[in-house]
Amino acid sequence: MKKKLKLLSASWLISVVVLAQGTTPLTIDEAIRIAIEKNFNVVIEKNARQVGVINNNWGTAGLFPVIGATGAASIASNNLTQKLVNGTVIERNGAILRNTNAGLAVSWRIFDGMRMFATKRRLEELEQVGELNFRRQINTTVFDVISSYFQIVQLKQQKNALLETILFFEERRKIAEDRFRIGTAPKTDLLQAQVDLNLQKANLMTIDNSIQIAKANFNNLLGRSPATEFEIRDQIEPDASLTFASIREKAETQNFDLLLAQSNLAVLLQTKREIISQRLPTVTMNGNLNFSQSRNDAGFNLFNRNIGPNGNIGIAIPLFNGGNIVRQQRVADIGIENQRITIEQIRNQVQTSLLNAYQNFLNALALVQLEKENLDLIRENNTIATERFKKLSITSLELRQVQLDYINSQTRYINALFLAKIAETEMKLLAGDLSKL
């Protein structure tokens, strides 16, 4: 028992030293906050969302009039020869002609078959699509952050477990060396013990490398330099209170793939309304305010000026356009039907994925409990076997098998915790619950 406490204390001290060398451990909530603020994909979707906001206005929909102003001024030099009916002859070289024109035009389509209202509604739906894409990206990014965070936790726990195991292997090698030195055991026991110890040290190097790679990838998710140093809290605690009924209910109303499919259906419906509006007459009101003036140094009219408003109302009635509207409407109907099928397909896929994730979650929780019990038993068995090996009650091969069982048990326990957390997070992803964190 004292030996066991000594080994556990050594493992704990190693973790404390590692944390002391770094900064304050980065919590999962803090990591999520950084990712939502700086993740590249989130920032891109945030900017893309603004396009829908900018376009969603009555001006884009065509409600407002179009107003334009024109103006022109010209000057010309002419050689003039005129013969009037009374016999007068006018000749003038280099006569200057000056013309000035200005105008203000207003065109306002006051009725377009209700198309502008359908367009405005479509723009509102497109803005909603942009919002949903943004929130879906946050949801996905949070899932990636949680998965990557706990992958690092998993690797660190495996490292700590391996450090503890290496102490057992080092003790076994020392015992084998002592027994070989006094002639109570063959050299093969010492060689095998050293080989097994070197193998565990090689595994430790592999885990350290995996941790560095995982940290670089994690930093990339957070939109910061991959070389940024940080430490994390090395605990995995699955939420065992999670129920399938609550997650399924949220998935029905909050799953972003489903919400996006429904918004895209709404866009198609408004597009169809825009097509149908082409069957109806359009009424356009036009108004103009014109100004024109000319000055001539010679000729019959030396000065002329016109100024005044004018206006008209035009009505256009579509009679025949080669059947294009009918074709467009039929194509729109097919698109709408396909989108409704897509919605049902997504709903069914979400339910399937949710059920699978929940089964994985339950299985992982059961494995966590089982492997925890096994780990406690194998840890005690490992301590007993080591003491028996010291007293020559078991062979080196028997102790080796016990130590390998201990390593495998630790790995299974840590993996079960990780799988339970990932399954839990996947269910929340499907329920659209992660974007609210």
Protein backbone atom coordinates (compact mmCIF):
# COMPACT_ATOMS: atom_id res chain seq x y z
CA MET A 1 0.00 0.00 0.00
CA LYS A 2 2.86 2.38 0.82
CA LYS A 3 4.43 1.58 -2.52
CA LYS A 4 1.16 2.36 -4.29
CA LEU A 5 0.84 5.71 -2.52
CA LYS A 6 4.42 6.53 -3.40
CA LEU A 7 3.81 5.86 -7.10
CA LEU A 8 0.59 7.85 -7.18
CA SER A 9 2.29 10.76 -5.41
CA ALA A 10 5.08 10.72 -7.99
CA SER A 11 2.58 10.88 -10.82
CA TRP A 12 0.75 13.74 -9.12
CA LEU A 13 4.00 15.67 -8.60
CA ILE A 14 4.85 15.30 -12.29
CA SER A 15 1.51 16.88 -13.24
CA VAL A 16 2.05 19.72 -10.75
CA VAL A 17 5.51 20.45 -12.15
CA VAL A 18 4.16 20.55 -15.71
CA LEU A 19 1.40 22.98 -14.74
CA ALA A 20 3.81 25.13 -12.74
CA GLN A 21 6.03 25.56 -15.80
CA GLY A 22 3.16 26.87 -17.92
CA THR A 23 0.46 29.46 -17.55
CA THR A 24 -2.93 29.22 -15.88
CA PRO A 25 -4.74 26.20 -17.34
CA LEU A 26 -7.02 27.07 -20.24
CA THR A 27 -10.60 26.06 -19.45
CA ILE A 28 -12.96 24.70 -22.08
CA ASP A 29 -15.29 27.69 -21.65
CA GLU A 30 -12.43 30.12 -22.24
CA ALA A 31 -11.31 28.16 -25.30
CA ILE A 32 -14.85 28.30 -26.73
CA ARG A 33 -15.01 32.06 -26.14
CA ILE A 34 -11.73 32.59 -27.99
CA ALA A 35 -12.82 30.37 -30.89
CA ILE A 36 -16.17 32.15 -31.33
CA GLU A 37 -14.31 35.45 -31.46
CA LYS A 38 -11.30 34.52 -33.60
CA ASN A 39 -11.88 31.24 -35.46
CA PHE A 40 -11.33 31.97 -39.16
CA ASN A 41 -14.42 30.13 -40.41
CA VAL A 42 -16.62 31.85 -37.82
CA VAL A 43 -15.30 35.28 -38.82
CA ILE A 44 -15.90 34.50 -42.51
CA GLU A 45 -19.50 33.40 -41.85
CA LYS A 46 -20.03 36.48 -39.69
CA ASN A 47 -18.98 38.69 -42.59
CA ALA A 48 -21.09 36.67 -45.04
CA ARG A 49 -24.09 37.19 -42.78
CA GLN A 50 -23.76 40.95 -43.32
CA VAL A 51 -24.45 40.49 -47.05
CA GLY A 52 -27.97 39.32 -46.29
CA VAL A 53 -28.49 42.17 -43.83
CA ILE A 54 -27.31 44.75 -46.36
CA ASN A 55 -29.46 43.38 -49.19
CA ASN A 56 -32.64 43.08 -47.14
CA ASN A 57 -34.34 46.43 -47.82
CA TRP A 58 -37.23 47.78 -49.86
CA GLY A 59 -34.88 49.45 -52.30
CA THR A 60 -33.46 46.11 -53.38
CA ALA A 61 -37.01 44.75 -53.57
CA GLY A 62 -37.97 47.52 -56.07
CA LEU A 63 -40.41 49.56 -54.00
CA PHE A 64 -38.74 52.97 -54.37
CA PRO A 65 -38.75 55.18 -57.49
CA VAL A 66 -35.76 55.70 -59.73
CA ILE A 67 -34.69 59.35 -60.02
CA GLY A 68 -32.14 60.60 -62.50
CA ALA A 69 -30.81 63.97 -63.60
CA THR A 70 -29.29 64.86 -66.95
CA GLY A 71 -27.51 67.92 -68.24
CA ALA A 72 -25.61 68.98 -71.32
CA ALA A 73 -24.06 72.15 -72.72
CA SER A 74 -22.68 72.63 -76.22
CA ILE A 75 -21.17 75.39 -78.31
CA ALA A 76 -20.66 75.52 -82.07
CA SER A 77 -19.24 77.95 -84.63
CA ASN A 78 -21.13 78.03 -87.94
CA ASN A 79 -20.86 79.79 -91.32
CA LEU A 80 -24.43 80.88 -91.94
CA THR A 81 -26.13 81.62 -95.28
CA GLN A 82 -29.90 82.20 -95.27
CA LYS A 83 -32.32 83.45 -97.97
CA LEU A 84 -35.69 84.57 -96.69
CA VAL A 85 -38.98 84.70 -98.66
CA ASN A 86 -38.87 88.45 -98.72
CA GLY A 87 -35.59 88.33 -100.62
CA THR A 88 -33.35 89.13 -97.66
CA VAL A 89 -30.03 87.32 -97.70
CA ILE A 90 -28.14 86.72 -94.45
CA GLU A 91 -24.51 85.69 -94.50
CA ARG A 92 -22.44 85.32 -91.38
CA ASN A 93 -19.17 83.52 -90.81
CA GLY A 94 -18.18 82.25 -87.37
CA ALA A 95 -21.66 82.57 -85.86
CA ILE A 96 -21.69 81.07 -82.36
CA LEU A 97 -24.50 78.69 -81.32
CA ARG A 98 -24.90 77.85 -77.65
CA ASN A 99 -27.24 75.07 -76.42
CA THR A 100 -28.01 74.18 -72.79
CA ASN A 101 -30.21 71.24 -71.72
CA ALA A 102 -31.09 69.88 -68.27
CA GLY A 103 -33.67 67.45 -67.05
CA LEU A 104 -34.94 65.58 -64.01
CA ALA A 105 -36.68 62.22 -64.58
CA VAL A 106 -38.64 60.09 -62.10
CA SER A 107 -39.84 56.58 -62.84
CA TRP A 108 -41.86 54.71 -60.23
CA ARG A 109 -43.37 51.28 -60.74
CA ILE A 110 -46.35 51.59 -58.43
CA PHE A 111 -47.67 48.09 -59.16
CA ASP A 112 -45.73 45.06 -60.36
CA GLY A 113 -48.10 42.21 -59.67
CA MET A 114 -47.03 42.11 -55.98
CA ARG A 115 -43.56 41.02 -57.02
CA MET A 116 -41.78 43.56 -54.80
CA PHE A 117 -43.46 42.09 -51.71
CA ALA A 118 -42.44 38.56 -52.67
CA THR A 119 -38.90 39.81 -53.31
CA LYS A 120 -38.77 41.55 -49.93
CA ARG A 121 -39.92 38.35 -48.24
CA ARG A 122 -37.27 36.37 -50.13
CA LEU A 123 -34.61 38.83 -49.00
CA GLU A 124 -35.75 38.38 -45.40
CA GLU A 125 -35.42 34.62 -45.77
CA LEU A 126 -31.95 35.01 -47.30
CA GLU A 127 -30.95 37.14 -44.33
CA GLN A 128 -32.23 34.35 -42.08
CA VAL A 129 -30.19 31.83 -44.09
CA GLY A 130 -27.09 33.93 -43.44
CA GLU A 131 -27.88 34.04 -39.73
CA LEU A 132 -28.41 30.28 -39.60
CA ASN A 133 -25.18 29.61 -41.49
CA PHE A 134 -23.35 31.79 -38.97
CA ARG A 135 -24.88 30.01 -35.98
CA ARG A 136 -24.29 26.60 -37.55
CA GLN A 137 -20.63 27.49 -38.03
CA ILE A 138 -20.41 28.46 -34.36
CA ASN A 139 -22.10 25.18 -33.42
CA THR A 140 -19.65 23.18 -35.54
CA THR A 141 -16.64 25.15 -34.32
CA VAL A 142 -17.60 24.64 -30.68
CA PHE A 143 -17.91 20.90 -31.37
CA ASP A 144 -14.44 20.89 -32.94
CA VAL A 145 -13.01 22.84 -30.01
CA ILE A 146 -14.53 20.49 -27.43
CA SER A 147 -13.37 17.42 -29.35
CA SER A 148 -9.84 18.78 -29.75
CA TYR A 149 -9.67 19.97 -26.15
CA PHE A 150 -10.61 16.59 -24.73
CA GLN A 151 -8.35 14.83 -27.21
CA ILE A 152 -5.48 16.69 -25.56
CA VAL A 153 -6.90 15.76 -22.15
CA GLN A 154 -7.06 12.12 -23.26
CA LEU A 155 -3.43 12.22 -24.39
CA LYS A 156 -2.31 13.90 -21.17
CA GLN A 157 -4.11 11.30 -19.08
CA GLN A 158 -2.47 8.57 -21.11
CA LYS A 159 0.88 10.27 -20.55
CA ASN A 160 0.32 10.49 -16.79
CA ALA A 161 -0.78 6.85 -16.70
CA LEU A 162 2.29 5.86 -18.71
CA LEU A 163 4.58 7.82 -16.38
CA GLU A 164 3.10 5.89 -13.49
CA THR A 165 3.52 2.63 -15.37
CA ILE A 166 7.14 3.40 -16.21
CA LEU A 167 7.85 3.52 -12.49
CA PHE A 168 6.62 -0.08 -12.21
CA PHE A 169 8.74 -1.12 -15.19
CA GLU A 170 11.81 0.61 -13.75
CA GLU A 171 11.29 -1.19 -10.44
CA ARG A 172 10.95 -4.49 -12.26
CA ARG A 173 14.18 -3.83 -14.18
CA LYS A 174 15.99 -2.95 -10.95
CA ILE A 175 14.78 -6.12 -9.26
CA ALA A 176 15.80 -8.19 -12.28
CA GLU A 177 19.21 -6.50 -12.28
CA ASP A 178 19.72 -7.18 -8.56
CA ARG A 179 18.65 -10.80 -8.94
CA PHE A 180 20.95 -11.28 -11.92
CA ARG A 181 23.86 -9.73 -10.02
CA ILE A 182 23.51 -12.16 -7.11
CA GLY A 183 22.89 -15.07 -9.46
CA THR A 184 19.28 -15.91 -8.59
CA ALA A 185 17.83 -15.07 -12.03
CA PRO A 186 18.99 -15.40 -15.63
CA LYS A 187 20.16 -12.43 -17.67
CA THR A 188 17.20 -12.92 -20.00
CA ASP A 189 14.92 -11.56 -17.27
CA LEU A 190 17.03 -8.39 -17.06
CA LEU A 191 17.16 -8.01 -20.84
CA GLN A 192 13.40 -8.47 -21.21
CA ALA A 193 12.75 -6.00 -18.40
CA GLN A 194 14.99 -3.42 -20.10
CA VAL A 195 13.33 -4.01 -23.48
CA ASP A 196 9.87 -3.55 -21.95
CA LEU A 197 11.02 -0.38 -20.16
CA ASN A 198 12.48 1.05 -23.37
CA LEU A 199 9.25 0.26 -25.19
CA GLN A 200 7.25 2.26 -22.64
CA LYS A 201 9.70 5.16 -22.91
CA ALA A 202 9.25 5.06 -26.70
CA ASN A 203 5.48 5.13 -26.18
CA LEU A 204 5.95 8.16 -23.94
CA MET A 205 7.88 9.96 -26.70
CA THR A 206 5.08 9.14 -29.15
CA ILE A 207 2.44 10.53 -26.81
CA ASP A 208 4.48 13.71 -26.23
CA ASN A 209 4.69 14.19 -30.00
CA SER A 210 0.93 13.59 -30.37
CA ILE A 211 0.25 16.18 -27.65
CA GLN A 212 2.34 18.81 -29.46
CA ILE A 213 0.54 18.16 -32.75
CA ALA A 214 -2.86 18.21 -31.05
CA LYS A 215 -2.01 21.52 -29.37
CA ALA A 216 -0.95 23.09 -32.67
CA ASN A 217 -4.22 22.00 -34.30
CA PHE A 218 -6.14 23.29 -31.30
CA ASN A 219 -4.45 26.69 -31.54
CA ASN A 220 -5.43 26.82 -35.20
CA LEU A 221 -9.07 26.27 -34.23
CA LEU A 222 -8.77 29.21 -31.85
CA GLY A 223 -7.42 31.40 -34.64
CA ARG A 224 -4.05 31.98 -33.01
CA SER A 225 -0.43 31.05 -33.63
CA PRO A 226 0.11 27.26 -33.57
CA ALA A 227 3.15 27.81 -31.33
CA THR A 228 1.10 29.44 -28.55
CA GLU A 229 1.90 27.75 -25.24
CA PHE A 230 -0.95 26.70 -22.96
CA GLU A 231 -1.96 24.05 -20.44
CA ILE A 232 -5.37 22.51 -19.86
CA ARG A 233 -7.30 20.91 -17.05
CA ASP A 234 -6.79 17.17 -17.45
CA GLN A 235 -10.22 15.92 -16.45
CA ILE A 236 -13.00 14.38 -18.53
CA GLU A 237 -16.43 14.44 -16.93
CA PRO A 238 -19.29 13.20 -19.17
CA ASP A 239 -22.74 14.59 -18.36
CA ALA A 240 -24.52 11.43 -17.20
CA SER A 241 -27.77 13.38 -16.61
CA LEU A 242 -28.31 13.89 -20.35
CA THR A 243 -31.56 12.28 -21.57
CA PHE A 244 -32.47 11.19 -25.06
CA ALA A 245 -35.97 12.73 -24.88
CA SER A 246 -34.68 16.24 -24.14
CA ILE A 247 -32.03 16.10 -26.86
CA ARG A 248 -34.46 14.72 -29.45
CA GLU A 249 -36.97 17.50 -28.71
CA LYS A 250 -34.31 20.15 -29.21
CA ALA A 251 -33.08 18.51 -32.41
CA GLU A 252 -36.57 18.79 -33.90
CA THR A 253 -36.62 22.57 -33.49
CA GLN A 254 -32.97 23.65 -33.26
CA ASN A 255 -30.92 21.45 -35.61
CA PHE A 256 -29.24 23.91 -37.95
CA ASP A 257 -29.21 21.67 -41.01
CA LEU A 258 -32.95 21.23 -40.63
CA LEU A 259 -33.55 24.94 -40.02
CA LEU A 260 -31.48 25.85 -43.07
CA ALA A 261 -33.39 23.40 -45.26
CA GLN A 262 -36.67 24.95 -44.09
CA SER A 263 -35.40 28.48 -44.78
CA ASN A 264 -34.26 27.43 -48.25
CA LEU A 265 -37.76 26.09 -48.87
CA ALA A 266 -39.18 29.48 -47.87
CA VAL A 267 -36.80 31.16 -50.36
CA LEU A 268 -38.02 28.86 -53.15
CA LEU A 269 -41.66 29.61 -52.30
CA GLN A 270 -41.05 33.35 -52.55
CA THR A 271 -39.15 32.86 -55.81
CA LYS A 272 -42.23 31.11 -57.18
CA ARG A 273 -44.37 34.08 -56.14
CA GLU A 274 -42.01 36.37 -58.05
CA ILE A 275 -42.45 34.20 -61.14
CA ILE A 276 -46.25 34.21 -60.85
CA SER A 277 -46.26 38.02 -60.52
CA GLN A 278 -45.01 38.25 -64.12
CA ARG A 279 -48.50 37.20 -65.27
CA LEU A 280 -50.04 40.39 -63.88
CA PRO A 281 -50.04 43.92 -65.36
CA THR A 282 -47.50 46.49 -64.24
CA VAL A 283 -48.22 50.17 -63.71
CA THR A 284 -45.43 52.70 -63.98
CA MET A 285 -45.64 56.42 -63.30
CA ASN A 286 -43.11 58.65 -65.06
CA GLY A 287 -42.40 62.33 -64.52
CA ASN A 288 -39.93 64.74 -66.11
CA LEU A 289 -38.84 68.30 -65.56
CA ASN A 290 -36.97 69.61 -68.62
CA PHE A 291 -35.04 72.78 -69.32
CA SER A 292 -33.55 73.71 -72.70
CA GLN A 293 -32.04 76.95 -73.95
CA SER A 294 -30.23 78.04 -77.14
CA ARG A 295 -28.51 81.29 -78.19
CA ASN A 296 -27.51 82.01 -81.77
CA ASP A 297 -25.46 84.94 -82.98
CA ALA A 298 -27.20 84.88 -86.37
CA GLY A 299 -30.26 83.42 -87.97
CA PHE A 300 -34.00 83.65 -87.61
CA ASN A 301 -34.13 82.49 -83.95
CA LEU A 302 -31.53 84.24 -81.86
CA PHE A 303 -32.81 82.99 -78.50
CA ASN A 304 -35.06 80.09 -77.48
CA ARG A 305 -35.92 78.69 -74.00
CA ASN A 306 -38.26 75.89 -72.90
CA ILE A 307 -38.92 74.80 -69.32
CA GLY A 308 -41.68 72.74 -67.79
CA PRO A 309 -42.78 69.44 -66.29
CA ASN A 310 -44.52 66.52 -67.95
CA GLY A 311 -45.70 63.15 -66.78
CA ASN A 312 -47.47 59.96 -67.79
CA ILE A 313 -48.75 56.70 -66.42
CA GLY A 314 -47.97 53.55 -68.36
CA ILE A 315 -49.65 50.18 -68.08
CA ALA A 316 -48.03 47.00 -69.45
CA ILE A 317 -50.15 43.89 -69.77
CA PRO A 318 -48.32 40.61 -70.51
CA LEU A 319 -50.15 38.65 -73.19
CA PHE A 320 -47.70 36.07 -74.49
CA ASN A 321 -43.99 35.47 -73.87
CA GLY A 322 -43.41 32.10 -75.46
CA GLY A 323 -44.53 30.12 -72.40
CA ASN A 324 -41.47 31.14 -70.37
CA ILE A 325 -43.47 31.91 -67.23
CA VAL A 326 -45.14 28.50 -67.33
CA ARG A 327 -41.79 26.78 -67.73
CA GLN A 328 -40.24 28.79 -64.90
CA GLN A 329 -43.16 27.95 -62.64
CA ARG A 330 -42.94 24.23 -63.38
CA VAL A 331 -39.21 24.25 -62.67
CA ALA A 332 -39.88 26.13 -59.41
CA ASP A 333 -42.49 23.51 -58.39
CA ILE A 334 -39.96 20.72 -58.92
CA GLY A 335 -37.39 22.59 -56.84
CA ILE A 336 -39.93 23.09 -54.04
CA GLU A 337 -40.89 19.41 -54.05
CA ASN A 338 -37.26 18.33 -53.95
CA GLN A 339 -36.59 20.70 -51.07
CA ARG A 340 -39.49 19.21 -49.09
CA ILE A 341 -38.01 15.75 -49.68
CA THR A 342 -34.61 17.07 -48.59
CA ILE A 343 -36.14 18.34 -45.34
CA GLU A 344 -37.55 14.89 -44.58
CA GLN A 345 -34.23 13.29 -45.50
CA ILE A 346 -32.34 15.60 -43.14
CA ARG A 347 -34.88 15.06 -40.36
CA ASN A 348 -34.54 11.28 -40.69
CA GLN A 349 -30.74 11.50 -40.82
CA VAL A 350 -30.65 13.69 -37.72
CA GLN A 351 -32.83 11.22 -35.82
CA THR A 352 -30.62 8.33 -36.94
CA SER A 353 -27.40 10.11 -35.97
CA LEU A 354 -28.91 11.18 -32.68
CA LEU A 355 -29.98 7.65 -31.80
CA ASN A 356 -26.55 6.26 -32.72
CA ALA A 357 -24.79 8.92 -30.66
CA TYR A 358 -27.02 8.19 -27.67
CA GLN A 359 -26.31 4.46 -27.93
CA ASN A 360 -22.60 5.22 -28.08
CA PHE A 361 -23.01 7.50 -25.07
CA LEU A 362 -24.75 4.84 -22.96
CA ASN A 363 -22.25 2.20 -23.99
CA ALA A 364 -19.31 4.48 -23.17
CA LEU A 365 -20.77 5.32 -19.74
CA ALA A 366 -21.15 1.62 -18.97
CA LEU A 367 -17.58 1.00 -20.12
CA VAL A 368 -16.32 3.85 -17.95
CA GLN A 369 -17.83 2.25 -14.86
CA LEU A 370 -16.61 -1.21 -15.77
CA GLU A 371 -13.10 -0.13 -16.73
CA LYS A 372 -12.79 1.96 -13.57
CA GLU A 373 -13.54 -1.11 -11.47
CA ASN A 374 -11.13 -3.19 -13.54
CA LEU A 375 -8.42 -0.56 -13.24
CA ASP A 376 -8.68 -0.53 -9.45
CA LEU A 377 -8.43 -4.31 -9.36
CA ILE A 378 -5.53 -4.50 -11.82
CA ARG A 379 -3.65 -1.70 -10.05
CA GLU A 380 -3.87 -3.64 -6.77
CA ASN A 381 -2.93 -6.86 -8.57
CA ASN A 382 0.08 -5.08 -10.08
CA THR A 383 1.29 -3.99 -6.64
CA ILE A 384 0.87 -7.50 -5.24
CA ALA A 385 2.60 -9.08 -8.24
CA THR A 386 5.57 -6.74 -7.86
CA GLU A 387 5.96 -7.74 -4.21
CA ARG A 388 5.68 -11.41 -5.12
CA PHE A 389 8.31 -10.94 -7.82
CA LYS A 390 10.65 -9.50 -5.22
CA LYS A 391 10.14 -12.66 -3.13
CA LEU A 392 10.66 -14.96 -6.15
CA SER A 393 7.05 -16.17 -5.95
CA ILE A 394 6.34 -15.42 -9.64
CA THR A 395 8.46 -15.29 -12.77
CA SER A 396 9.47 -12.22 -14.75
CA LEU A 397 7.08 -13.21 -17.54
CA GLU A 398 4.15 -13.39 -15.12
CA LEU A 399 4.94 -9.92 -13.75
CA ARG A 400 5.32 -8.61 -17.31
CA GLN A 401 1.83 -9.84 -18.19
CA VAL A 402 0.36 -8.17 -15.11
CA GLN A 403 2.04 -4.89 -16.05
CA LEU A 404 0.79 -5.10 -19.63
CA ASP A 405 -2.72 -5.76 -18.33
CA TYR A 406 -2.40 -2.61 -16.23
CA ILE A 407 -1.39 -0.53 -19.25
CA ASN A 408 -4.25 -1.88 -21.34
CA SER A 409 -6.73 -1.26 -18.54
CA GLN A 410 -5.62 2.36 -18.17
CA THR A 411 -5.92 2.88 -21.93
CA ARG A 412 -9.42 1.39 -22.07
CA TYR A 413 -10.61 3.50 -19.14
CA ILE A 414 -9.27 6.76 -20.59
CA ASN A 415 -10.65 5.94 -24.05
CA ALA A 416 -14.08 5.15 -22.59
CA LEU A 417 -14.18 8.55 -20.87
CA PHE A 418 -13.19 10.28 -24.11
CA LEU A 419 -15.76 8.40 -26.20
CA ALA A 420 -18.50 9.24 -23.69
CA LYS A 421 -17.63 12.95 -23.87
CA ILE A 422 -17.50 12.93 -27.67
CA ALA A 423 -20.87 11.14 -27.91
CA GLU A 424 -22.36 13.67 -25.49
CA THR A 425 -20.97 16.56 -27.54
CA GLU A 426 -22.22 15.04 -30.79
CA MET A 427 -25.75 14.85 -29.40
CA LYS A 428 -25.59 18.51 -28.40
CA LEU A 429 -24.25 19.34 -31.88
CA LEU A 430 -27.24 17.62 -33.50
CA ALA A 431 -29.56 19.44 -31.08
CA GLY A 432 -28.03 22.82 -32.03
CA ASP A 433 -27.17 23.30 -28.37
CA LEU A 434 -23.49 24.15 -28.66
CA SER A 435 -23.88 27.57 -30.25
CA LYS A 436 -25.50 28.78 -27.02
CA LEU A 437 -22.46 27.99 -24.88
